[in-house]
């Protein structure tokens, strides 16, 4: 009887096993805004003002020169 219960418990546990919850893949996909001067990668959630701050402080250039992909008309 104990062996039967053990097997049932093992089967139930195997059914309940789920995949990992790592966010590494999601984080990598979110990094899709690249500075064209220094190739630093930023998350797509960065605001234009934050990107402009990078462009002005690091390169003394306009944000449109460093991040032209953010200003493409869709």
Protein backbone atom coordinates (compact mmCIF):
# COMPACT_ATOMS: atom_id res chain seq x y z
CA UNK A 1 0.00 0.00 0.00
CA UNK A 2 2.86 2.41 0.83
CA UNK A 3 4.53 1.80 -2.52
CA UNK A 4 1.30 2.60 -4.34
CA UNK A 5 0.88 5.88 -2.43
CA UNK A 6 4.51 6.77 -3.07
CA UNK A 7 4.08 6.18 -6.80
CA UNK A 8 0.89 8.25 -6.87
CA UNK A 9 2.63 11.08 -5.05
CA UNK A 10 5.58 10.95 -7.45
CA UNK A 11 3.27 11.04 -10.49
CA UNK A 12 1.28 13.94 -9.05
CA UNK A 13 4.49 15.86 -8.39
CA UNK A 14 5.75 15.25 -11.93
CA UNK A 15 2.50 16.62 -13.37
CA UNK A 16 2.74 19.75 -11.22
CA UNK A 17 6.34 20.55 -12.23
CA UNK A 18 6.49 23.78 -14.19
CA UNK A 19 9.23 25.54 -16.11
CA UNK A 20 11.56 28.04 -14.54
CA UNK A 21 10.55 31.63 -13.98
CA UNK A 22 13.73 33.29 -15.17
CA UNK A 23 13.36 36.75 -16.68
CA UNK A 24 16.69 36.76 -18.46
CA UNK A 25 15.08 36.23 -21.86
CA UNK A 26 12.52 38.98 -21.28
CA UNK A 27 15.22 41.36 -20.08
CA UNK A 28 17.33 40.66 -23.14
CA UNK A 29 14.38 41.32 -25.46
CA UNK A 30 13.64 44.61 -23.69
CA UNK A 31 17.13 45.94 -24.47
CA UNK A 32 16.48 47.25 -27.93
CA UNK A 33 17.44 50.94 -27.98
CA UNK A 34 21.09 51.39 -28.93
CA UNK A 35 23.15 54.55 -28.94
CA UNK A 36 24.65 54.84 -32.42
CA UNK A 37 27.75 56.61 -31.11
CA UNK A 38 28.93 54.33 -28.29
CA UNK A 39 26.62 51.33 -28.85
CA UNK A 40 25.37 51.37 -25.27
CA UNK A 41 22.11 49.42 -25.07
CA UNK A 42 19.12 50.82 -23.20
CA UNK A 43 15.77 49.32 -22.30
CA UNK A 44 12.88 50.32 -24.53
CA UNK A 45 11.12 51.84 -21.51
CA UNK A 46 13.67 54.68 -21.28
CA UNK A 47 12.06 58.04 -21.94
CA UNK A 48 13.27 60.44 -24.61
CA UNK A 49 14.44 62.83 -21.88
CA UNK A 50 16.63 60.12 -20.32
CA UNK A 51 18.10 59.27 -23.72
CA UNK A 52 18.65 62.98 -24.41
CA UNK A 53 20.52 63.26 -21.12
CA UNK A 54 22.84 60.44 -22.21
CA UNK A 55 23.41 62.03 -25.62
CA UNK A 56 24.20 65.46 -24.20
CA UNK A 57 26.34 64.33 -21.27
CA UNK A 58 28.35 61.57 -22.95
CA UNK A 59 28.64 62.79 -26.53
CA UNK A 60 27.60 66.47 -26.56
CA UNK A 61 25.21 65.63 -29.40
CA UNK A 62 21.50 65.86 -30.09
CA UNK A 63 19.33 62.92 -29.06
CA UNK A 64 18.25 62.43 -32.70
CA UNK A 65 21.86 61.81 -33.71
CA UNK A 66 22.43 59.17 -31.04
CA UNK A 67 19.02 57.45 -31.14
CA UNK A 68 17.55 57.86 -34.64
CA UNK A 69 15.45 54.69 -34.25
CA UNK A 70 13.30 56.44 -31.61
CA UNK A 71 12.26 59.10 -34.14
CA UNK A 72 11.32 56.90 -37.11
CA UNK A 73 7.76 57.58 -38.24
CA UNK A 74 5.65 54.44 -38.18
